[in-house]
PDB file of N, CA and C in Angstrom:
ATOM      1  N   UNK A   1      12.731  -3.063 -14.149  1.00  0.00           N
ATOM      2  CA  UNK A   1      14.392  -1.898 -13.792  1.00  0.00           C
ATOM      3  C   UNK A   1      14.092  -1.673 -14.937  1.00  0.00           C
ATOM      4  N   UNK A   2      13.975  -0.035 -15.955  1.00  0.00           N
ATOM      5  CA  UNK A   2      14.428   0.690 -17.150  1.00  0.00           C
ATOM      6  C   UNK A   2      16.344   1.449 -17.374  1.00  0.00           C
ATOM      7  N   UNK A   3      16.894   0.931 -17.605  1.00  0.00           N
ATOM      8  CA  UNK A   3      18.712   1.592 -17.104  1.00  0.00           C
ATOM      9  C   UNK A   3      17.998   2.799 -18.550  1.00  0.00           C
ATOM     10  N   UNK A   4      16.903   3.943 -18.327  1.00  0.00           N
ATOM     11  CA  UNK A   4      16.846   4.494 -19.602  1.00  0.00           C
ATOM     12  C   UNK A   4      16.179   5.543 -19.084  1.00  0.00           C
ATOM     13  N   UNK A   5      14.618   5.535 -20.760  1.00  0.00           N
ATOM     14  CA  UNK A   5      13.770   6.900 -20.453  1.00  0.00           C
ATOM     15  C   UNK A   5      12.517   5.537 -21.397  1.00  0.00           C
ATOM     16  N   UNK A   6      11.465   6.432 -21.271  1.00  0.00           N
ATOM     17  CA  UNK A   6      10.754   5.582 -21.461  1.00  0.00           C
ATOM     18  C   UNK A   6       9.363   7.124 -22.574  1.00  0.00           C
ATOM     19  N   UNK A   7       8.207   6.544 -23.738  1.00  0.00           N
ATOM     20  CA  UNK A   7       7.875   7.384 -24.397  1.00  0.00           C
ATOM     21  C   UNK A   7       6.970   7.147 -23.587  1.00  0.00           C
ATOM     22  N   UNK A   8       6.892   7.214 -21.968  1.00  0.00           N
ATOM     23  CA  UNK A   8       5.819   7.259 -21.109  1.00  0.00           C
ATOM     24  C   UNK A   8       6.605   7.512 -19.825  1.00  0.00           C
ATOM     25  N   UNK A   9       7.601   8.796 -19.680  1.00  0.00           N
ATOM     26  CA  UNK A   9       7.725   9.228 -18.601  1.00  0.00           C
ATOM     27  C   UNK A   9       6.875  10.306 -18.137  1.00  0.00           C
ATOM     28  N   UNK A  10       6.177  11.466 -19.199  1.00  0.00           N
ATOM     29  CA  UNK A  10       5.369  12.319 -18.749  1.00  0.00           C
ATOM     30  C   UNK A  10       4.337  12.071 -18.830  1.00  0.00           C
ATOM     31  N   UNK A  11       3.848  11.288 -18.915  1.00  0.00           N
ATOM     32  CA  UNK A  11       2.637  10.459 -19.039  1.00  0.00           C
ATOM     33  C   UNK A  11       2.079   9.739 -17.205  1.00  0.00           C
ATOM     34  N   UNK A  12       1.620   9.954 -16.329  1.00  0.00           N
ATOM     35  CA  UNK A  12       1.407   9.539 -14.976  1.00  0.00           C
ATOM     36  C   UNK A  12       0.475   8.367 -15.254  1.00  0.00           C
ATOM     37  N   UNK A  13      -0.928   9.055 -16.420  1.00  0.00           N
ATOM     38  CA  UNK A  13      -1.386   7.357 -16.032  1.00  0.00           C
ATOM     39  C   UNK A  13      -1.023   6.290 -16.951  1.00  0.00           C
ATOM     40  N   UNK A  14      -0.324   6.715 -18.387  1.00  0.00           N
ATOM     41  CA  UNK A  14       0.514   5.306 -19.178  1.00  0.00           C
ATOM     42  C   UNK A  14       1.417   4.470 -17.872  1.00  0.00           C
ATOM     43  N   UNK A  15       2.261   5.697 -16.960  1.00  0.00           N
ATOM     44  CA  UNK A  15       2.810   5.154 -16.120  1.00  0.00           C
ATOM     45  C   UNK A  15       2.201   4.081 -14.712  1.00  0.00           C
ATOM     46  N   UNK A  16       1.359   4.822 -14.944  1.00  0.00           N
ATOM     47  CA  UNK A  16       0.164   3.840 -13.824  1.00  0.00           C
ATOM     48  C   UNK A  16      -0.325   2.154 -14.112  1.00  0.00           C
ATOM     49  N   UNK A  17      -0.903   2.368 -15.608  1.00  0.00           N
ATOM     50  CA  UNK A  17      -1.013   1.279 -16.464  1.00  0.00           C
ATOM     51  C   UNK A  17      -0.945   0.128 -16.583  1.00  0.00           C
ATOM     52  N   UNK A  18       0.836   1.084 -17.319  1.00  0.00           N
ATOM     53  CA  UNK A  18       1.633   0.035 -16.514  1.00  0.00           C
ATOM     54  C   UNK A  18       2.332  -1.144 -15.761  1.00  0.00           C
ATOM     55  N   UNK A  19       2.545  -0.475 -14.238  1.00  0.00           N
ATOM     56  CA  UNK A  19       2.024  -0.805 -12.712  1.00  0.00           C
ATOM     57  C   UNK A  19       1.318  -1.592 -12.738  1.00  0.00           C
ATOM     58  N   UNK A  20       0.542  -0.744 -12.885  1.00  0.00           N
ATOM     59  CA  UNK A  20      -1.106  -2.047 -12.597  1.00  0.00           C
ATOM     60  C   UNK A  20      -0.706  -3.082 -13.224  1.00  0.00           C
ATOM     61  N   UNK A  21      -0.459  -3.488 -14.485  1.00  0.00           N
ATOM     62  CA  UNK A  21      -0.057  -4.700 -14.951  1.00  0.00           C
ATOM     63  C   UNK A  21       1.223  -5.368 -14.814  1.00  0.00           C
ATOM     64  N   UNK A  22       2.090  -5.214 -14.545  1.00  0.00           N
ATOM     65  CA  UNK A  22       3.238  -5.092 -13.640  1.00  0.00           C
ATOM     66  C   UNK A  22       3.634  -6.269 -12.134  1.00  0.00           C
ATOM     67  N   UNK A  23       2.076  -5.213 -11.137  1.00  0.00           N
ATOM     68  CA  UNK A  23       1.557  -5.727 -10.246  1.00  0.00           C
ATOM     69  C   UNK A  23       0.851  -6.835 -10.277  1.00  0.00           C
ATOM     70  N   UNK A  24       0.274  -6.721 -10.988  1.00  0.00           N
ATOM     71  CA  UNK A  24      -0.901  -7.870 -10.708  1.00  0.00           C
ATOM     72  C   UNK A  24      -0.979  -9.610 -10.796  1.00  0.00           C
ATOM     73  N   UNK A  25      -1.323  -9.566  -9.670  1.00  0.00           N
ATOM     74  CA  UNK A  25      -1.614 -11.318  -9.567  1.00  0.00           C
ATOM     75  C   UNK A  25      -1.556 -12.511 -10.632  1.00  0.00           C
ATOM     76  N   UNK A  26      -0.360 -12.475 -11.724  1.00  0.00           N
ATOM     77  CA  UNK A  26      -1.238 -13.196 -12.745  1.00  0.00           C
ATOM     78  C   UNK A  26       0.337 -14.092 -12.910  1.00  0.00           C
ATOM     79  N   UNK A  27       0.634 -14.578 -13.778  1.00  0.00           N
ATOM     80  CA  UNK A  27       2.311 -15.503 -13.742  1.00  0.00           C
ATOM     81  C   UNK A  27       2.719 -14.159 -14.651  1.00  0.00           C
ATOM     82  N   UNK A  28       4.244 -14.019 -14.650  1.00  0.00           N
ATOM     83  CA  UNK A  28       5.646 -13.937 -14.793  1.00  0.00           C
ATOM     84  C   UNK A  28       5.412 -13.628 -16.293  1.00  0.00           C
ATOM     85  N   UNK A  29       5.028 -14.759 -16.822  1.00  0.00           N
ATOM     86  CA  UNK A  29       5.089 -14.885 -18.435  1.00  0.00           C
ATOM     87  C   UNK A  29       4.293 -13.870 -19.113  1.00  0.00           C
ATOM     88  N   UNK A  30       2.809 -14.203 -18.586  1.00  0.00           N
ATOM     89  CA  UNK A  30       1.846 -13.204 -18.302  1.00  0.00           C
ATOM     90  C   UNK A  30       1.129 -11.996 -18.541  1.00  0.00           C
ATOM     91  N   UNK A  31       2.742 -11.305 -17.339  1.00  0.00           N
ATOM     92  CA  UNK A  31       2.735 -10.541 -17.539  1.00  0.00           C
ATOM     93  C   UNK A  31       3.674  -9.194 -18.247  1.00  0.00           C
ATOM     94  N   UNK A  32       4.662 -10.458 -19.103  1.00  0.00           N
ATOM     95  CA  UNK A  32       5.860 -10.314 -20.112  1.00  0.00           C
ATOM     96  C   UNK A  32       5.137  -9.576 -20.700  1.00  0.00           C
ATOM     97  N   UNK A  33       3.931 -11.220 -21.444  1.00  0.00           N
ATOM     98  CA  UNK A  33       3.337 -10.807 -23.144  1.00  0.00           C
ATOM     99  C   UNK A  33       2.431 -10.004 -22.637  1.00  0.00           C
ATOM    100  N   UNK A  34       2.068  -9.298 -21.865  1.00  0.00           N
ATOM    101  CA  UNK A  34       0.431  -8.128 -21.731  1.00  0.00           C
ATOM    102  C   UNK A  34       1.956  -6.584 -21.954  1.00  0.00           C
ATOM    103  N   UNK A  35       2.117  -7.007 -21.142  1.00  0.00           N
ATOM    104  CA  UNK A  35       3.369  -6.065 -21.204  1.00  0.00           C
ATOM    105  C   UNK A  35       4.499  -5.505 -22.234  1.00  0.00           C
ATOM    106  N   UNK A  36       4.527  -6.241 -22.999  1.00  0.00           N
ATOM    107  CA  UNK A  36       5.419  -6.420 -24.186  1.00  0.00           C
ATOM    108  C   UNK A  36       4.460  -6.648 -25.551  1.00  0.00           C
ATOM    109  N   UNK A  37       3.536  -6.433 -25.970  1.00  0.00           N
ATOM    110  CA  UNK A  37       1.805  -6.456 -26.109  1.00  0.00           C
ATOM    111  C   UNK A  37       2.681  -7.654 -27.382  1.00  0.00           C
ATOM    112  N   UNK A  38       2.479  -8.621 -26.735  1.00  0.00           N
ATOM    113  CA  UNK A  38       3.085  -9.776 -27.319  1.00  0.00           C
ATOM    114  C   UNK A  38       1.592 -11.366 -26.988  1.00  0.00           C
ATOM    115  N   UNK A  39       1.397 -10.320 -25.848  1.00  0.00           N
ATOM    116  CA  UNK A  39      -0.237 -11.193 -25.138  1.00  0.00           C
ATOM    117  C   UNK A  39      -0.887 -12.004 -26.411  1.00  0.00           C
ATOM    118  N   UNK A  40      -1.838 -13.472 -25.776  1.00  0.00           N
ATOM    119  CA  UNK A  40      -2.595 -13.281 -26.103  1.00  0.00           C
ATOM    120  C   UNK A  40      -4.151 -13.812 -25.568  1.00  0.00           C
ATOM    121  N   UNK A  41      -5.408 -14.494 -26.288  1.00  0.00           N
ATOM    122  CA  UNK A  41      -6.128 -14.697 -25.771  1.00  0.00           C
ATOM    123  C   UNK A  41      -7.160 -14.235 -24.596  1.00  0.00           C
ATOM    124  N   UNK A  42      -7.562 -14.438 -24.096  1.00  0.00           N
ATOM    125  CA  UNK A  42      -7.975 -13.077 -22.468  1.00  0.00           C
ATOM    126  C   UNK A  42      -7.143 -12.367 -21.554  1.00  0.00           C
ATOM    127  N   UNK A  43      -6.337 -13.609 -21.236  1.00  0.00           N
ATOM    128  CA  UNK A  43      -5.094 -12.373 -20.806  1.00  0.00           C
ATOM    129  C   UNK A  43      -4.880 -11.411 -21.356  1.00  0.00           C
ATOM    130  N   UNK A  44      -4.844 -11.186 -22.783  1.00  0.00           N
ATOM    131  CA  UNK A  44      -4.336 -10.330 -23.339  1.00  0.00           C
ATOM    132  C   UNK A  44      -5.407  -8.794 -23.404  1.00  0.00           C
ATOM    133  N   UNK A  45      -6.784  -9.852 -23.454  1.00  0.00           N
ATOM    134  CA  UNK A  45      -7.233  -9.013 -23.721  1.00  0.00           C
ATOM    135  C   UNK A  45      -7.716  -8.021 -22.788  1.00  0.00           C
ATOM    136  N   UNK A  46      -8.343  -8.559 -21.063  1.00  0.00           N
ATOM    137  CA  UNK A  46      -8.150  -8.414 -19.958  1.00  0.00           C
ATOM    138  C   UNK A  46      -6.948  -7.744 -18.956  1.00  0.00           C
ATOM    139  N   UNK A  47      -5.710  -7.368 -20.069  1.00  0.00           N
ATOM    140  CA  UNK A  47      -4.669  -6.126 -19.788  1.00  0.00           C
ATOM    141  C   UNK A  47      -4.898  -5.234 -18.534  1.00  0.00           C
ATOM    142  N   UNK A  48      -4.535  -4.950 -18.192  1.00  0.00           N
ATOM    143  CA  UNK A  48      -4.165  -3.435 -17.599  1.00  0.00           C
ATOM    144  C   UNK A  48      -3.573  -2.666 -17.547  1.00  0.00           C
ATOM    145  N   UNK A  49      -2.588  -2.501 -18.849  1.00  0.00           N
ATOM    146  CA  UNK A  49      -1.839  -1.987 -18.928  1.00  0.00           C
ATOM    147  C   UNK A  49      -2.759  -0.650 -20.114  1.00  0.00           C
ATOM    148  N   UNK A  50      -3.486  -1.475 -21.234  1.00  0.00           N
ATOM    149  CA  UNK A  50      -4.181  -0.662 -21.391  1.00  0.00           C
ATOM    150  C   UNK A  50      -3.323  -0.784 -23.281  1.00  0.00           C
ATOM    151  N   UNK A  51      -3.644   0.023 -23.960  1.00  0.00           N
ATOM    152  CA  UNK A  51      -2.322   0.359 -25.105  1.00  0.00           C
ATOM    153  C   UNK A  51      -1.062   1.025 -25.599  1.00  0.00           C
ATOM    154  N   UNK A  52      -0.764   0.738 -23.595  1.00  0.00           N
ATOM    155  CA  UNK A  52       0.900   1.207 -23.409  1.00  0.00           C
ATOM    156  C   UNK A  52       1.579  -0.100 -23.339  1.00  0.00           C
ATOM    157  N   UNK A  53       2.605  -0.291 -23.939  1.00  0.00           N
ATOM    158  CA  UNK A  53       3.701  -1.207 -24.754  1.00  0.00           C
ATOM    159  C   UNK A  53       5.170  -0.787 -24.155  1.00  0.00           C
ATOM    160  N   UNK A  54       5.893  -1.478 -23.313  1.00  0.00           N
ATOM    161  CA  UNK A  54       7.012  -2.181 -23.244  1.00  0.00           C
ATOM    162  C   UNK A  54       7.894  -2.377 -24.167  1.00  0.00           C
ATOM    163  N   UNK A  55       8.565  -1.702 -25.604  1.00  0.00           N
ATOM    164  CA  UNK A  55       9.364  -2.515 -26.627  1.00  0.00           C
ATOM    165  C   UNK A  55      10.957  -1.505 -26.769  1.00  0.00           C
ATOM    166  N   UNK A  56      11.851  -2.956 -26.414  1.00  0.00           N
ATOM    167  CA  UNK A  56      12.821  -1.973 -26.635  1.00  0.00           C
ATOM    168  C   UNK A  56      13.718  -1.973 -27.431  1.00  0.00           C
ATOM    169  N   UNK A  57      13.327  -1.860 -28.654  1.00  0.00           N
ATOM    170  CA  UNK A  57      13.492  -2.221 -30.235  1.00  0.00           C
ATOM    171  C   UNK A  57      12.684  -2.323 -31.118  1.00  0.00           C
ATOM    172  N   UNK A  58      12.879  -1.660 -32.084  1.00  0.00           N
ATOM    173  CA  UNK A  58      12.158  -2.206 -33.403  1.00  0.00           C
ATOM    174  C   UNK A  58      10.727  -0.888 -33.317  1.00  0.00           C
ATOM    175  N   UNK A  59      10.336  -1.075 -34.849  1.00  0.00           N
ATOM    176  CA  UNK A  59       9.375  -0.271 -34.960  1.00  0.00           C
ATOM    177  C   UNK A  59       7.866  -0.332 -33.595  1.00  0.00           C
ATOM    178  N   UNK A  60       7.838   1.132 -33.284  1.00  0.00           N
ATOM    179  CA  UNK A  60       7.068   1.904 -31.795  1.00  0.00           C
ATOM    180  C   UNK A  60       7.959   1.379 -30.430  1.00  0.00           C
ATOM    181  N   UNK A  61       9.570   1.191 -31.213  1.00  0.00           N
ATOM    182  CA  UNK A  61      10.053   1.465 -29.769  1.00  0.00           C
ATOM    183  C   UNK A  61       9.449   2.249 -28.425  1.00  0.00           C
ATOM    184  N   UNK A  62       9.817   1.507 -27.264  1.00  0.00           N
ATOM    185  CA  UNK A  62       8.880   3.123 -26.135  1.00  0.00           C
ATOM    186  C   UNK A  62      10.179   2.724 -24.670  1.00  0.00           C
ATOM    187  N   UNK A  63      11.293   2.071 -24.916  1.00  0.00           N
ATOM    188  CA  UNK A  63      11.769   2.308 -24.092  1.00  0.00           C
ATOM    189  C   UNK A  63      13.290   2.397 -24.812  1.00  0.00           C
ATOM    190  N   UNK A  64      14.070   3.089 -24.438  1.00  0.00           N
ATOM    191  CA  UNK A  64      15.177   3.706 -24.713  1.00  0.00           C
ATOM    192  C   UNK A  64      16.322   4.108 -23.774  1.00  0.00           C
ATOM    193  N   UNK A  65      17.658   4.064 -24.669  1.00  0.00           N
ATOM    194  CA  UNK A  65      19.148   3.689 -23.443  1.00  0.00           C
ATOM    195  C   UNK A  65      19.165   5.282 -23.711  1.00  0.00           C
ATOM    196  N   UNK A  66      19.679   5.532 -22.002  1.00  0.00           N
ATOM    197  CA  UNK A  66      19.836   6.932 -21.999  1.00  0.00           C
ATOM    198  C   UNK A  66      22.188   7.388 -22.062  1.00  0.00           C
ATOM    199  N   UNK A  67      22.011   6.567 -22.682  1.00  0.00           N
ATOM    200  CA  UNK A  67      23.660   6.401 -22.250  1.00  0.00           C
ATOM    201  C   UNK A  67      24.346   6.519 -21.790  1.00  0.00           C
ATOM    202  N   UNK A  68      23.951   6.468 -20.398  1.00  0.00           N
ATOM    203  CA  UNK A  68      24.616   5.419 -18.707  1.00  0.00           C
ATOM    204  C   UNK A  68      24.449   5.141 -18.537  1.00  0.00           C
ATOM    205  N   UNK A  69      26.148   4.348 -18.225  1.00  0.00           N
ATOM    206  CA  UNK A  69      26.278   3.269 -17.910  1.00  0.00           C
ATOM    207  C   UNK A  69      25.364   3.124 -16.391  1.00  0.00           C
ATOM    208  N   UNK A  70      24.766   1.621 -16.698  1.00  0.00           N
ATOM    209  CA  UNK A  70      23.772   1.188 -15.530  1.00  0.00           C
ATOM    210  C   UNK A  70      24.261  -0.034 -14.686  1.00  0.00           C
ATOM    211  N   UNK A  71      23.895   0.019 -13.215  1.00  0.00           N
ATOM    212  CA  UNK A  71      24.315  -1.748 -12.467  1.00  0.00           C
ATOM    213  C   UNK A  71      22.711  -2.211 -11.973  1.00  0.00           C
ATOM    214  N   UNK A  72      23.079  -3.501 -12.238  1.00  0.00           N
ATOM    215  CA  UNK A  72      21.382  -3.821 -13.017  1.00  0.00           C
ATOM    216  C   UNK A  72      21.450  -4.567 -11.137  1.00  0.00           C
ATOM    217  N   UNK A  73      21.049  -5.296  -9.884  1.00  0.00           N
ATOM    218  CA  UNK A  73      20.969  -6.589  -9.626  1.00  0.00           C
ATOM    219  C   UNK A  73      19.975  -6.419  -8.943  1.00  0.00           C
ATOM    220  N   UNK A  74      19.809  -8.039  -8.518  1.00  0.00           N
ATOM    221  CA  UNK A  74      18.651  -9.253  -8.379  1.00  0.00           C
ATOM    222  C   UNK A  74      18.611  -9.957  -7.926  1.00  0.00           C
ATOM    223  N   UNK A  75      19.200  -9.442  -7.100  1.00  0.00           N
ATOM    224  CA  UNK A  75      19.515 -10.375  -5.478  1.00  0.00           C
ATOM    225  C   UNK A  75      18.588 -10.987  -4.765  1.00  0.00           C
ATOM    226  N   UNK A  76      16.691 -11.003  -4.974  1.00  0.00           N
ATOM    227  CA  UNK A  76      15.673 -11.612  -4.195  1.00  0.00           C
ATOM    228  C   UNK A  76      14.366 -12.200  -5.118  1.00  0.00           C
ATOM    229  N   UNK A  77      14.614 -12.438  -6.582  1.00  0.00           N
ATOM    230  CA  UNK A  77      13.645 -12.226  -6.893  1.00  0.00           C
ATOM    231  C   UNK A  77      13.513 -12.649  -8.741  1.00  0.00           C
ATOM    232  N   UNK A  78      12.062 -12.588  -9.039  1.00  0.00           N
ATOM    233  CA  UNK A  78      12.193 -12.410 -11.001  1.00  0.00           C
ATOM    234  C   UNK A  78      12.036 -10.854 -10.518  1.00  0.00           C
ATOM    235  N   UNK A  79      13.020 -10.991 -12.218  1.00  0.00           N
ATOM    236  CA  UNK A  79      12.660  -8.914 -12.143  1.00  0.00           C
ATOM    237  C   UNK A  79      12.742  -8.807 -14.168  1.00  0.00           C
ATOM    238  N   UNK A  80      12.531  -8.221 -14.468  1.00  0.00           N
ATOM    239  CA  UNK A  80      12.281  -8.235 -15.969  1.00  0.00           C
ATOM    240  C   UNK A  80      13.129  -6.157 -15.970  1.00  0.00           C
ATOM    241  N   UNK A  81      14.559  -6.324 -17.211  1.00  0.00           N
ATOM    242  CA  UNK A  81      15.533  -5.699 -17.150  1.00  0.00           C
ATOM    243  C   UNK A  81      15.298  -5.331 -18.657  1.00  0.00           C
ATOM    244  N   UNK A  82      15.519  -4.060 -18.860  1.00  0.00           N
ATOM    245  CA  UNK A  82      15.770  -3.106 -20.149  1.00  0.00           C
ATOM    246  C   UNK A  82      17.304  -2.689 -19.774  1.00  0.00           C
ATOM    247  N   UNK A  83      18.297  -3.630 -20.640  1.00  0.00           N
ATOM    248  CA  UNK A  83      19.266  -2.990 -20.447  1.00  0.00           C
ATOM    249  C   UNK A  83      20.165  -2.667 -21.607  1.00  0.00           C
ATOM    250  N   UNK A  84      21.060  -1.905 -21.242  1.00  0.00           N
ATOM    251  CA  UNK A  84      22.416  -1.873 -22.553  1.00  0.00           C
ATOM    252  C   UNK A  84      23.119  -2.478 -23.211  1.00  0.00           C
ATOM    253  N   UNK A  85      23.466  -3.428 -24.069  1.00  0.00           N
ATOM    254  CA  UNK A  85      24.160  -5.318 -23.600  1.00  0.00           C
ATOM    255  C   UNK A  85      25.538  -4.558 -23.986  1.00  0.00           C
ATOM    256  N   UNK A  86      25.487  -4.121 -24.908  1.00  0.00           N
ATOM    257  CA  UNK A  86      26.888  -3.487 -25.902  1.00  0.00           C
ATOM    258  C   UNK A  86      26.595  -1.843 -26.177  1.00  0.00           C
ATOM    259  N   UNK A  87      28.054  -1.760 -26.943  1.00  0.00           N
ATOM    260  CA  UNK A  87      28.269  -0.342 -26.634  1.00  0.00           C
ATOM    261  C   UNK A  87      28.997   0.313 -25.624  1.00  0.00           C
ATOM    262  N   UNK A  88      29.981   1.364 -25.999  1.00  0.00           N
ATOM    263  CA  UNK A  88      31.030   1.660 -25.004  1.00  0.00           C
ATOM    264  C   UNK A  88      30.510   2.121 -23.664  1.00  0.00           C
ATOM    265  N   UNK A  89      28.900   2.415 -23.823  1.00  0.00           N
ATOM    266  CA  UNK A  89      28.343   2.516 -22.075  1.00  0.00           C
ATOM    267  C   UNK A  89      27.116   1.080 -21.243  1.00  0.00           C
ATOM    268  N   UNK A  90      28.007  -0.210 -22.002  1.00  0.00           N
ATOM    269  CA  UNK A  90      27.113  -0.893 -21.562  1.00  0.00           C
ATOM    270  C   UNK A  90      26.957  -1.020 -20.166  1.00  0.00           C
ATOM    271  N   UNK A  91      25.468  -1.353 -19.471  1.00  0.00           N
ATOM    272  CA  UNK A  91      24.791  -1.898 -18.388  1.00  0.00           C
ATOM    273  C   UNK A  91      26.108  -2.977 -18.013  1.00  0.00           C
ATOM    274  N   UNK A  92      26.287  -2.623 -16.211  1.00  0.00           N
ATOM    275  CA  UNK A  92      26.229  -4.518 -15.958  1.00  0.00           C
ATOM    276  C   UNK A  92      25.653  -4.723 -14.978  1.00  0.00           C
ATOM    277  N   UNK A  93      25.325  -6.048 -15.151  1.00  0.00           N
ATOM    278  CA  UNK A  93      24.127  -7.136 -14.565  1.00  0.00           C
ATOM    279  C   UNK A  93      24.746  -7.924 -13.552  1.00  0.00           C
ATOM    280  N   UNK A  94      24.103  -8.028 -12.545  1.00  0.00           N
ATOM    281  CA  UNK A  94      24.461  -8.971 -11.098  1.00  0.00           C
ATOM    282  C   UNK A  94      23.112  -9.850 -11.258  1.00  0.00           C
ATOM    283  N   UNK A  95      23.005 -10.227 -11.586  1.00  0.00           N
ATOM    284  CA  UNK A  95      21.727 -11.436 -11.300  1.00  0.00           C
ATOM    285  C   UNK A  95      21.073 -12.769 -10.926  1.00  0.00           C
ATOM    286  N   UNK A  96      22.361 -12.885 -10.620  1.00  0.00           N
ATOM    287  CA  UNK A  96      22.567 -13.792 -10.043  1.00  0.00           C
ATOM    288  C   UNK A  96      22.047 -15.334 -10.935  1.00  0.00           C
ATOM    289  N   UNK A  97      20.847 -16.680 -10.095  1.00  0.00           N
ATOM    290  CA  UNK A  97      20.834 -17.905 -10.753  1.00  0.00           C
ATOM    291  C   UNK A  97      19.763 -17.559 -11.061  1.00  0.00           C
ATOM    292  N   UNK A  98      18.739 -16.746 -10.483  1.00  0.00           N
ATOM    293  CA  UNK A  98      17.962 -16.324 -10.200  1.00  0.00           C
ATOM    294  C   UNK A  98      15.932 -16.201 -11.797  1.00  0.00           C
ATOM    295  N   UNK A  99      15.459 -16.782 -12.091  1.00  0.00           N
ATOM    296  CA  UNK A  99      14.344 -16.128 -13.028  1.00  0.00           C
ATOM    297  C   UNK A  99      14.776 -14.632 -13.588  1.00  0.00           C
ATOM    298  N   UNK A 100      15.133 -14.772 -14.565  1.00  0.00           N
ATOM    299  CA  UNK A 100      15.301 -12.878 -14.715  1.00  0.00           C
ATOM    300  C   UNK A 100      15.166 -12.337 -15.833  1.00  0.00           C
ATOM    301  N   UNK A 101      14.733 -11.946 -16.745  1.00  0.00           N
ATOM    302  CA  UNK A 101      14.238 -11.958 -17.886  1.00  0.00           C
ATOM    303  C   UNK A 101      15.207 -10.158 -18.365  1.00  0.00           C
ATOM    304  N   UNK A 102      16.096 -10.028 -19.447  1.00  0.00           N
ATOM    305  CA  UNK A 102      15.979  -8.869 -19.484  1.00  0.00           C
ATOM    306  C   UNK A 102      15.809  -8.727 -21.391  1.00  0.00           C
ATOM    307  N   UNK A 103      15.272  -7.708 -21.971  1.00  0.00           N
ATOM    308  CA  UNK A 103      15.778  -7.022 -23.681  1.00  0.00           C
ATOM    309  C   UNK A 103      16.559  -6.220 -23.547  1.00  0.00           C
ATOM    310  N   UNK A 104      17.504  -6.215 -24.346  1.00  0.00           N
ATOM    311  CA  UNK A 104      18.995  -5.298 -24.881  1.00  0.00           C
ATOM    312  C   UNK A 104      18.623  -4.008 -25.794  1.00  0.00           C
ATOM    313  N   UNK A 105      18.056  -3.349 -24.922  1.00  0.00           N
ATOM    314  CA  UNK A 105      18.059  -1.623 -25.286  1.00  0.00           C
ATOM    315  C   UNK A 105      19.377  -1.279 -26.727  1.00  0.00           C
ATOM    316  N   UNK A 106      19.170  -0.378 -27.511  1.00  0.00           N
ATOM    317  CA  UNK A 106      19.941  -0.662 -28.999  1.00  0.00           C
ATOM    318  C   UNK A 106      20.778   1.246 -28.495  1.00  0.00           C
ATOM    319  N   UNK A 107      22.106   0.321 -28.354  1.00  0.00           N
ATOM    320  CA  UNK A 107      22.943   1.836 -27.711  1.00  0.00           C
ATOM    321  C   UNK A 107      22.313   3.400 -28.187  1.00  0.00           C
ATOM    322  N   UNK A 108      22.456   4.313 -27.694  1.00  0.00           N
ATOM    323  CA  UNK A 108      22.623   5.352 -28.291  1.00  0.00           C
ATOM    324  C   UNK A 108      23.630   5.992 -28.895  1.00  0.00           C
ATOM    325  N   UNK A 109      25.053   5.385 -28.445  1.00  0.00           N
ATOM    326  CA  UNK A 109      25.907   5.719 -28.722  1.00  0.00           C
ATOM    327  C   UNK A 109      27.367   4.198 -29.285  1.00  0.00           C
TER     328      UNK A 109
END
């Protein structure tokens, strides 16, 4: 779940490729690595997302804060969140005790 925008919001093919990788029957760690662009070996070579990666910060960032406070909940499973964890418009995370990955977005404000 993304509490903001992506560089691909106006690119249906890119969003479909990202979703194809996210929904693929692969271990979570493999999907995360492929979508972050950090995967290796055959799993990375056979990724569904092509050259569309979800990066929360640094050079080539593709996921951005929207300066809106978001509330995330994960009551029933493993998820991946992009959230603003600092600043005046910090997102709220209600994640329970399950395996959850959170990538921190750079606050706009």
